Amino acid sequence: MGINFGEIKKKAQDALSKNSDKVEQGLDKASGFAKSKFGDKADKIDNATQKAKDALHKQAGDEGDQGGGQGGQQPGPSGPSGPSGPSGH
């Protein structure tokens, strides 16, 4: 007897596809709140929000249906993409 992760994933995808507009509204609301507290980071917040929306549509099975958005990944203006710091083991 075990956990059927495939079934759980399908149920989650179904819920996302039926409620993706509400989830997007929540992302927009959270983004607005974050920008009100950390306005100097608005570009990073917008970037993270867009990535979350893209992941939402991908998980909901909409990845080819939206037609909007940008193809591929864009390098962000946040700086170099190297290691975040020494590992110090």
N, C-alpha and C. Protein backbone atom coordinates (compact mmCIF):
# COMPACT_ATOMS: atom_id res chain seq x y z
N MET A 1 0.85 -1.17 0.00
CA MET A 1 0.00 0.00 0.00
C MET A 1 0.89 1.23 0.00
N GLY A 2 0.64 2.15 -0.90
CA GLY A 2 1.47 3.34 -0.98
C GLY A 2 0.68 4.53 -1.50
N ILE A 3 1.39 5.58 -1.63
CA ILE A 3 0.78 6.82 -2.11
C ILE A 3 0.84 6.83 -3.64
N ASN A 4 -0.28 7.09 -4.26
CA ASN A 4 -0.33 7.15 -5.71
C ASN A 4 -0.08 8.60 -6.14
N PHE A 5 1.22 8.92 -6.36
CA PHE A 5 1.58 10.28 -6.71
C PHE A 5 1.04 10.69 -8.08
N GLY A 6 0.89 9.75 -8.97
CA GLY A 6 0.32 10.06 -10.28
C GLY A 6 -1.10 10.58 -10.17
N GLU A 7 -1.87 9.94 -9.30
CA GLU A 7 -3.26 10.38 -9.10
C GLU A 7 -3.31 11.75 -8.43
N ILE A 8 -2.42 11.96 -7.46
CA ILE A 8 -2.37 13.27 -6.79
C ILE A 8 -1.98 14.36 -7.78
N LYS A 9 -1.00 14.07 -8.64
CA LYS A 9 -0.57 15.04 -9.65
C LYS A 9 -1.72 15.37 -10.59
N LYS A 10 -2.47 14.35 -11.03
CA LYS A 10 -3.59 14.59 -11.94
C LYS A 10 -4.66 15.45 -11.29
N LYS A 11 -4.97 15.17 -10.02
CA LYS A 11 -5.97 15.97 -9.31
C LYS A 11 -5.50 17.42 -9.16
N ALA A 12 -4.22 17.61 -8.87
CA ALA A 12 -3.69 18.96 -8.74
C ALA A 12 -3.75 19.70 -10.08
N GLN A 13 -3.40 19.02 -11.16
CA GLN A 13 -3.47 19.64 -12.48
C GLN A 13 -4.90 20.00 -12.85
N ASP A 14 -5.84 19.12 -12.53
CA ASP A 14 -7.25 19.41 -12.79
C ASP A 14 -7.70 20.64 -12.01
N ALA A 15 -7.32 20.70 -10.73
CA ALA A 15 -7.70 21.85 -9.90
C ALA A 15 -7.08 23.14 -10.44
N LEU A 16 -5.83 23.07 -10.87
CA LEU A 16 -5.18 24.26 -11.42
C LEU A 16 -5.83 24.71 -12.72
N SER A 17 -6.17 23.75 -13.56
CA SER A 17 -6.77 24.13 -14.84
C SER A 17 -8.15 24.74 -14.65
N LYS A 18 -8.88 24.27 -13.64
CA LYS A 18 -10.22 24.82 -13.38
C LYS A 18 -10.17 26.15 -12.65
N ASN A 19 -9.07 26.43 -11.94
CA ASN A 19 -8.99 27.62 -11.10
C ASN A 19 -7.78 28.49 -11.42
N SER A 20 -7.20 28.33 -12.60
CA SER A 20 -5.97 29.07 -12.90
C SER A 20 -6.18 30.58 -12.86
N ASP A 21 -7.38 31.05 -13.21
CA ASP A 21 -7.63 32.49 -13.15
C ASP A 21 -7.59 33.00 -11.71
N LYS A 22 -8.10 32.21 -10.78
CA LYS A 22 -8.07 32.60 -9.37
C LYS A 22 -6.65 32.56 -8.82
N VAL A 23 -5.87 31.56 -9.25
CA VAL A 23 -4.49 31.46 -8.81
C VAL A 23 -3.70 32.66 -9.34
N GLU A 24 -3.94 33.03 -10.60
CA GLU A 24 -3.28 34.20 -11.18
C GLU A 24 -3.63 35.47 -10.42
N GLN A 25 -4.90 35.61 -10.05
CA GLN A 25 -5.31 36.77 -9.26
C GLN A 25 -4.56 36.81 -7.93
N GLY A 26 -4.40 35.65 -7.32
CA GLY A 26 -3.65 35.57 -6.07
C GLY A 26 -2.19 35.94 -6.26
N LEU A 27 -1.60 35.49 -7.36
CA LEU A 27 -0.22 35.85 -7.65
C LEU A 27 -0.08 37.36 -7.85
N ASP A 28 -1.03 37.95 -8.58
CA ASP A 28 -1.00 39.40 -8.80
C ASP A 28 -1.16 40.17 -7.50
N LYS A 29 -2.04 39.69 -6.64
CA LYS A 29 -2.26 40.35 -5.36
C LYS A 29 -1.01 40.25 -4.48
N ALA A 30 -0.41 39.07 -4.45
CA ALA A 30 0.82 38.89 -3.66
C ALA A 30 1.95 39.74 -4.22
N SER A 31 2.02 39.83 -5.54
CA SER A 31 3.04 40.65 -6.18
C SER A 31 2.86 42.12 -5.81
N GLY A 32 1.63 42.59 -5.86
CA GLY A 32 1.35 43.98 -5.49
C GLY A 32 1.73 44.27 -4.05
N PHE A 33 1.42 43.33 -3.16
CA PHE A 33 1.77 43.51 -1.75
C PHE A 33 3.29 43.55 -1.59
N ALA A 34 3.99 42.63 -2.24
CA ALA A 34 5.45 42.58 -2.14
C ALA A 34 6.06 43.87 -2.67
N LYS A 35 5.52 44.38 -3.78
CA LYS A 35 6.06 45.63 -4.33
C LYS A 35 5.77 46.81 -3.42
N SER A 36 4.66 46.77 -2.68
CA SER A 36 4.37 47.86 -1.75
C SER A 36 5.36 47.87 -0.58
N LYS A 37 5.88 46.71 -0.25
CA LYS A 37 6.85 46.60 0.85
C LYS A 37 8.29 46.73 0.36
N PHE A 38 8.55 46.26 -0.84
CA PHE A 38 9.92 46.22 -1.37
C PHE A 38 9.93 46.81 -2.78
N GLY A 39 9.49 48.05 -2.93
CA GLY A 39 9.37 48.69 -4.23
C GLY A 39 10.66 48.75 -5.02
N ASP A 40 11.79 48.80 -4.32
CA ASP A 40 13.07 48.85 -5.02
C ASP A 40 13.40 47.53 -5.70
N LYS A 41 12.66 46.50 -5.41
CA LYS A 41 12.87 45.17 -6.01
C LYS A 41 11.75 44.82 -7.00
N ALA A 42 11.04 45.82 -7.50
CA ALA A 42 9.86 45.59 -8.35
C ALA A 42 10.18 44.73 -9.57
N ASP A 43 11.34 44.96 -10.19
CA ASP A 43 11.70 44.17 -11.38
C ASP A 43 11.84 42.69 -11.04
N LYS A 44 12.48 42.40 -9.91
CA LYS A 44 12.66 41.00 -9.50
C LYS A 44 11.33 40.37 -9.13
N ILE A 45 10.47 41.15 -8.47
CA ILE A 45 9.15 40.64 -8.08
C ILE A 45 8.33 40.33 -9.32
N ASP A 46 8.35 41.24 -10.30
CA ASP A 46 7.62 41.01 -11.55
C ASP A 46 8.15 39.78 -12.28
N ASN A 47 9.45 39.61 -12.29
CA ASN A 47 10.08 38.45 -12.94
C ASN A 47 9.65 37.16 -12.26
N ALA A 48 9.68 37.15 -10.94
CA ALA A 48 9.27 35.95 -10.19
C ALA A 48 7.79 35.65 -10.40
N THR A 49 6.97 36.70 -10.44
CA THR A 49 5.54 36.51 -10.66
C THR A 49 5.29 35.92 -12.04
N GLN A 50 5.99 36.41 -13.04
CA GLN A 50 5.81 35.88 -14.40
C GLN A 50 6.25 34.42 -14.48
N LYS A 51 7.34 34.09 -13.81
CA LYS A 51 7.80 32.69 -13.80
C LYS A 51 6.78 31.79 -13.12
N ALA A 52 6.17 32.29 -12.05
CA ALA A 52 5.14 31.51 -11.35
C ALA A 52 3.93 31.30 -12.26
N LYS A 53 3.54 32.34 -13.00
CA LYS A 53 2.40 32.21 -13.92
C LYS A 53 2.72 31.24 -15.04
N ASP A 54 3.95 31.30 -15.56
CA ASP A 54 4.35 30.36 -16.61
C ASP A 54 4.31 28.93 -16.09
N ALA A 55 4.79 28.72 -14.87
CA ALA A 55 4.76 27.38 -14.28
C ALA A 55 3.32 26.93 -14.04
N LEU A 56 2.46 27.86 -13.65
CA LEU A 56 1.05 27.55 -13.44
C LEU A 56 0.43 27.02 -14.73
N HIS A 57 0.66 27.72 -15.82
CA HIS A 57 0.08 27.29 -17.09
C HIS A 57 0.67 25.98 -17.57
N LYS A 58 1.95 25.79 -17.32
CA LYS A 58 2.59 24.53 -17.72
C LYS A 58 2.00 23.37 -16.92
N GLN A 59 1.86 23.54 -15.61
CA GLN A 59 1.33 22.48 -14.77
C GLN A 59 -0.15 22.22 -15.01
N ALA A 60 -0.86 23.27 -15.40
CA ALA A 60 -2.29 23.12 -15.66
C ALA A 60 -2.54 22.51 -17.04
N GLY A 61 -1.47 22.32 -17.81
CA GLY A 61 -1.61 21.72 -19.13
C GLY A 61 -1.92 22.72 -20.21
N ASP A 62 -1.66 24.01 -19.94
CA ASP A 62 -1.97 25.06 -20.91
C ASP A 62 -0.76 25.52 -21.69
N GLU A 63 0.37 24.83 -21.62
CA GLU A 63 1.60 25.39 -22.15
C GLU A 63 1.53 25.77 -23.61
N GLY A 64 0.76 25.13 -24.43
CA GLY A 64 0.66 25.52 -25.82
C GLY A 64 -0.57 26.35 -26.12
N ASP A 65 -1.48 26.46 -25.17
CA ASP A 65 -2.76 27.09 -25.44
C ASP A 65 -2.76 28.61 -25.30
N GLN A 66 -1.87 29.17 -24.52
CA GLN A 66 -1.91 30.59 -24.24
C GLN A 66 -1.40 31.42 -25.40
N GLY A 67 -0.34 30.98 -26.05
CA GLY A 67 0.19 31.70 -27.21
C GLY A 67 0.93 32.96 -26.84
N GLY A 68 0.73 33.52 -25.69
CA GLY A 68 1.40 34.74 -25.28
C GLY A 68 2.70 34.42 -24.58
N GLY A 69 3.32 35.44 -24.07
CA GLY A 69 4.55 35.24 -23.33
C GLY A 69 5.75 35.22 -24.25
N GLN A 70 6.88 34.98 -23.64
CA GLN A 70 8.12 35.02 -24.38
C GLN A 70 8.70 33.63 -24.46
N GLY A 71 9.23 33.30 -25.62
CA GLY A 71 9.85 32.00 -25.78
C GLY A 71 11.22 31.97 -25.17
N GLY A 72 11.56 30.90 -24.53
CA GLY A 72 12.88 30.77 -23.94
C GLY A 72 13.01 31.56 -22.66
N GLN A 73 14.19 31.48 -22.09
CA GLN A 73 14.43 32.21 -20.86
C GLN A 73 15.20 33.48 -21.17
N GLN A 74 14.87 34.52 -20.44
CA GLN A 74 15.60 35.76 -20.59
C GLN A 74 16.56 35.89 -19.42
N PRO A 75 17.75 36.38 -19.67
CA PRO A 75 18.62 36.65 -18.54
C PRO A 75 18.07 37.85 -17.78
N GLY A 76 18.00 37.72 -16.50
CA GLY A 76 17.44 38.80 -15.71
C GLY A 76 18.45 39.89 -15.45
N PRO A 77 17.99 41.09 -15.12
CA PRO A 77 18.89 42.20 -14.86
C PRO A 77 19.49 42.13 -13.45
N SER A 78 19.31 41.01 -12.76
CA SER A 78 19.70 40.92 -11.36
C SER A 78 21.19 40.68 -11.15
N GLY A 79 21.95 40.42 -12.19
CA GLY A 79 23.38 40.25 -12.00
C GLY A 79 23.88 38.98 -12.63
N PRO A 80 25.12 38.64 -12.32
CA PRO A 80 25.73 37.45 -12.94
C PRO A 80 25.05 36.18 -12.48
N SER A 81 25.16 35.17 -13.30
CA SER A 81 24.49 33.91 -12.98
C SER A 81 25.47 32.87 -12.49
N GLY A 82 26.47 33.29 -11.79
CA GLY A 82 27.45 32.37 -11.24
C GLY A 82 26.99 31.80 -9.92
N PRO A 83 27.88 31.12 -9.23
CA PRO A 83 27.52 30.56 -7.92
C PRO A 83 27.16 31.68 -6.95
N SER A 84 26.27 31.38 -6.03
CA SER A 84 25.80 32.40 -5.12
C SER A 84 26.77 32.66 -3.98
N GLY A 85 27.77 31.87 -3.84
CA GLY A 85 28.76 32.09 -2.78
C GLY A 85 29.55 30.84 -2.52
N PRO A 86 30.55 30.97 -1.66
CA PRO A 86 31.38 29.78 -1.38
C PRO A 86 30.58 28.74 -0.61
N SER A 87 30.88 27.49 -0.89
CA SER A 87 30.14 26.43 -0.23
C SER A 87 30.68 26.16 1.17
N GLY A 88 31.94 26.40 1.41
CA GLY A 88 32.51 26.32 2.74
C GLY A 88 32.40 24.97 3.44
N HIS A 89 32.68 23.90 2.73
CA HIS A 89 32.63 22.58 3.39
C HIS A 89 33.86 22.33 4.15
